[in-house]
Amino acid sequence: MNDTLDDYQEKRDFTGTPEPSGAAKKASPPHALQFCIQKHDASHLHYDFRLELQGTLKSWAVPKGPSLDPQVKRLAVQVEDHPLDYAAFEGHIPEGHYGAGDVIVWDRGVWKPVGDPVESFKKGRLQFELEGHKLQGSWSLVRSQQEGKKQLWFLIKHQDDAARAESDFDVLTQRPESVISGRILKPRPAKHTPGKA
């Protein structure tokens, strides 16, 4: 079992959640590195950005989702590594389980690191190209120097042919669907507080 998945596995009860456990370890020949972005309607709606590296999916929660606008830096909070088969996971995580809520695969494809990705990740400055259904071109993940319980990064689009000003095209609102099922996440209704209209 992959030690970097310990946090992932400790947070979940796989007898009650449909998420993959990552327990099956498969030797795989060299292949293109996959990425995925899952839209996750948990306690807060957010996007989980995942890059395959060293046998797991390095993962960041991006509260506002990616932007194609190079002027817009998106906060990306590093979370626990996920197993590679999580990249195809869509479904409902039941109430009472970690991350309860609906998940769709909002985008996926392959990514190409610029330079040595392991060293770049350690140094906190990953530059890469995405070839996805919705996201393409050159991007960076840059770790913030701010100290805290979680590692804070920024997801930044570079200026290239795939860049778009957010005022011209917001990929999140224009392309809300899953690239696997075509499903669109409907926001959960707000909880009604007794005595309030």
Protein backbone atom coordinates (compact mmCIF):
# COMPACT_ATOMS: atom_id res chain seq x y z
CA MET A 1 0.00 0.00 0.00
CA ASN A 2 1.25 3.49 -0.79
CA ASP A 3 2.31 5.30 2.44
CA THR A 4 1.37 8.68 0.98
CA LEU A 5 -2.27 7.52 0.95
CA ASP A 6 -2.35 6.98 4.75
CA ASP A 7 -4.14 10.31 5.40
CA TYR A 8 -6.63 9.59 2.63
CA GLN A 9 -7.44 6.12 3.97
CA GLU A 10 -7.63 7.15 7.64
CA LYS A 11 -10.32 9.76 6.85
CA ARG A 12 -12.65 7.29 5.13
CA ASP A 13 -14.73 4.22 5.93
CA PHE A 14 -14.73 2.25 2.68
CA THR A 15 -17.55 -0.01 3.87
CA GLY A 16 -19.87 3.01 3.63
CA THR A 17 -18.50 5.28 0.89
CA PRO A 18 -18.26 4.41 -2.83
CA GLU A 19 -14.85 6.14 -3.16
CA PRO A 20 -11.91 3.96 -4.27
CA SER A 21 -9.63 2.85 -1.41
CA GLY A 22 -6.40 2.79 -3.39
CA ALA A 23 -5.56 -0.56 -1.77
CA ALA A 24 -5.03 -2.38 -5.07
CA LYS A 25 -1.49 -1.64 -6.13
CA LYS A 26 -0.91 -2.15 -9.83
CA ALA A 27 2.44 -2.08 -11.54
CA SER A 28 1.93 0.05 -14.60
CA PRO A 29 4.21 0.71 -17.55
CA PRO A 30 5.35 4.28 -18.24
CA HIS A 31 2.42 6.37 -19.44
CA ALA A 32 1.22 9.92 -19.78
CA LEU A 33 0.54 11.62 -16.45
CA GLN A 34 -3.17 12.18 -15.84
CA PHE A 35 -4.90 15.14 -14.25
CA CYS A 36 -8.48 15.64 -13.20
CA ILE A 37 -10.63 18.34 -11.67
CA GLN A 38 -13.60 17.17 -9.63
CA LYS A 39 -16.43 19.52 -8.74
CA HIS A 40 -17.41 18.62 -5.20
CA ASP A 41 -20.56 19.80 -3.45
CA ALA A 42 -19.45 19.05 0.13
CA SER A 43 -19.92 21.44 3.08
CA HIS A 44 -18.82 24.10 0.56
CA LEU A 45 -18.92 23.80 -3.23
CA HIS A 46 -15.35 23.67 -4.53
CA TYR A 47 -13.14 22.13 -7.21
CA ASP A 48 -10.50 19.48 -6.45
CA PHE A 49 -7.48 19.81 -8.75
CA ARG A 50 -5.41 16.62 -8.98
CA LEU A 51 -2.11 15.85 -10.73
CA GLU A 52 -0.61 12.37 -11.01
CA LEU A 53 2.88 12.33 -9.50
CA GLN A 54 4.92 9.48 -7.99
CA GLY A 55 2.07 6.99 -8.07
CA THR A 56 -0.67 9.10 -6.47
CA LEU A 57 -2.80 12.14 -7.25
CA LYS A 58 -1.35 15.24 -5.60
CA SER A 59 -4.46 17.20 -4.67
CA TRP A 60 -5.55 20.77 -4.02
CA ALA A 61 -8.97 22.17 -3.09
CA VAL A 62 -9.63 25.26 -5.23
CA PRO A 63 -12.59 27.08 -3.59
CA LYS A 64 -13.42 29.30 -6.58
CA GLY A 65 -12.35 26.87 -9.31
CA PRO A 66 -9.76 27.44 -12.06
CA SER A 67 -9.77 30.55 -14.24
CA LEU A 68 -8.53 30.89 -17.81
CA ASP A 69 -7.61 34.53 -17.04
CA PRO A 70 -3.86 35.04 -16.34
CA GLN A 71 -4.77 38.08 -14.22
CA VAL A 72 -6.70 35.86 -11.78
CA LYS A 73 -4.79 33.85 -9.15
CA ARG A 74 -6.88 31.11 -7.58
CA LEU A 75 -6.17 29.95 -4.03
CA ALA A 76 -5.41 26.19 -3.96
CA VAL A 77 -5.25 24.46 -0.58
CA GLN A 78 -3.13 21.32 -0.63
CA VAL A 79 -4.99 18.29 0.76
CA GLU A 80 -4.12 14.62 1.18
CA ASP A 81 -2.90 12.57 -1.79
CA HIS A 82 -5.59 10.47 -3.49
CA PRO A 83 -5.27 7.10 -5.29
CA LEU A 84 -4.94 7.16 -9.07
CA ASP A 85 -8.31 5.48 -9.62
CA TYR A 86 -10.00 8.41 -7.85
CA ALA A 87 -9.56 10.38 -11.09
CA ALA A 88 -12.63 8.64 -12.57
CA PHE A 89 -14.76 8.82 -9.41
CA GLU A 90 -18.22 10.35 -9.70
CA GLY A 91 -21.04 9.77 -7.29
CA HIS A 92 -22.51 10.57 -3.91
CA ILE A 93 -20.48 10.34 -0.71
CA PRO A 94 -23.07 9.54 1.99
CA GLU A 95 -23.88 11.85 4.89
CA GLY A 96 -21.73 11.15 7.93
CA HIS A 97 -18.68 10.35 5.79
CA TYR A 98 -15.68 12.58 5.17
CA GLY A 99 -16.43 14.92 2.24
CA ALA A 100 -20.14 13.98 2.16
CA GLY A 101 -21.85 15.28 -0.97
CA ASP A 102 -21.91 14.90 -4.75
CA VAL A 103 -18.83 14.66 -6.96
CA ILE A 104 -18.51 14.97 -10.75
CA VAL A 105 -15.43 14.88 -12.97
CA TRP A 106 -15.51 18.45 -14.28
CA ASP A 107 -12.39 18.03 -16.44
CA ARG A 108 -9.65 15.50 -17.06
CA GLY A 109 -6.81 14.76 -19.43
CA VAL A 110 -3.02 14.60 -19.33
CA TRP A 111 -0.44 17.01 -17.97
CA LYS A 112 3.15 17.62 -19.02
CA PRO A 113 5.56 19.01 -16.43
CA VAL A 114 8.10 21.67 -17.35
CA GLY A 115 11.38 20.50 -15.79
CA ASP A 116 11.62 17.88 -13.03
CA PRO A 117 8.15 17.70 -11.45
CA VAL A 118 9.31 16.05 -8.20
CA GLU A 119 11.93 18.74 -7.56
CA SER A 120 9.54 21.50 -8.66
CA PHE A 121 6.86 20.19 -6.28
CA LYS A 122 9.34 20.14 -3.38
CA LYS A 123 10.42 23.69 -4.18
CA GLY A 124 6.80 24.84 -4.38
CA ARG A 125 6.79 26.00 -7.98
CA LEU A 126 5.28 23.59 -10.49
CA GLN A 127 4.97 24.67 -14.11
CA PHE A 128 3.07 22.43 -16.52
CA GLU A 129 0.89 22.12 -19.60
CA LEU A 130 -2.64 20.76 -19.48
CA GLU A 131 -4.37 18.87 -22.28
CA GLY A 132 -7.92 18.51 -21.02
CA HIS A 133 -11.45 18.79 -22.34
CA LYS A 134 -11.83 22.30 -20.85
CA LEU A 135 -8.38 23.39 -19.68
CA GLN A 136 -5.38 23.59 -21.97
CA GLY A 137 -2.08 25.38 -22.23
CA SER A 138 0.48 26.53 -19.72
CA TRP A 139 -0.20 26.81 -15.96
CA SER A 140 1.63 27.13 -12.65
CA LEU A 141 1.02 26.07 -9.09
CA VAL A 142 3.01 28.30 -6.73
CA ARG A 143 3.25 27.65 -3.00
CA SER A 144 2.59 30.61 -0.72
CA GLN A 145 5.16 31.48 1.96
CA GLN A 146 2.31 31.97 4.43
CA GLU A 147 2.60 29.61 7.40
CA GLY A 148 -0.45 27.65 8.54
CA LYS A 149 -1.97 24.22 9.17
CA LYS A 150 -2.49 23.69 5.44
CA GLN A 151 -0.11 24.37 2.57
CA LEU A 152 -1.53 27.24 0.52
CA TRP A 153 -0.75 27.48 -3.19
CA PHE A 154 -1.98 29.57 -6.11
CA LEU A 155 -3.19 28.13 -9.42
CA ILE A 156 -2.31 30.53 -12.23
CA LYS A 157 -2.99 30.42 -15.97
CA HIS A 158 -0.16 31.66 -18.20
CA GLN A 159 -0.70 33.97 -21.15
CA ASP A 160 -1.02 31.80 -24.27
CA ASP A 161 -3.56 30.84 -26.94
CA ALA A 162 -5.76 29.06 -24.36
CA ALA A 163 -5.99 32.10 -22.05
CA ARG A 164 -9.28 34.03 -21.92
CA ALA A 165 -10.26 37.15 -19.98
CA GLU A 166 -12.84 36.20 -17.36
CA SER A 167 -15.08 39.05 -18.53
CA ASP A 168 -15.19 37.40 -21.99
CA PHE A 169 -15.52 33.75 -20.97
CA ASP A 170 -15.96 32.15 -17.56
CA VAL A 171 -15.27 28.45 -18.10
CA LEU A 172 -16.97 27.50 -14.81
CA THR A 173 -20.36 28.94 -15.79
CA GLN A 174 -20.10 28.23 -19.53
CA ARG A 175 -19.00 24.59 -19.06
CA PRO A 176 -20.53 23.29 -15.81
CA GLU A 177 -21.02 19.69 -16.97
CA SER A 178 -19.14 16.49 -16.15
CA VAL A 179 -16.82 15.36 -18.95
CA ILE A 180 -17.73 11.72 -18.13
CA SER A 181 -21.51 11.72 -17.64
CA GLY A 182 -22.62 15.16 -18.81
CA ARG A 183 -24.20 15.59 -15.38
CA ILE A 184 -24.48 19.07 -13.83
CA LEU A 185 -24.30 19.50 -10.06
CA LYS A 186 -27.36 21.29 -8.76
CA PRO A 187 -26.58 23.36 -5.64
CA ARG A 188 -28.01 21.84 -2.50
CA PRO A 189 -30.93 23.78 -1.01
CA ALA A 190 -30.01 26.02 1.93
CA LYS A 191 -30.99 24.58 5.29
CA HIS A 192 -34.07 26.25 6.71
CA THR A 193 -33.66 27.76 10.17
CA PRO A 194 -36.85 27.60 12.28
CA GLY A 195 -38.40 31.02 12.90
CA LYS A 196 -36.77 32.55 9.80
CA ALA A 197 -38.49 33.18 6.48
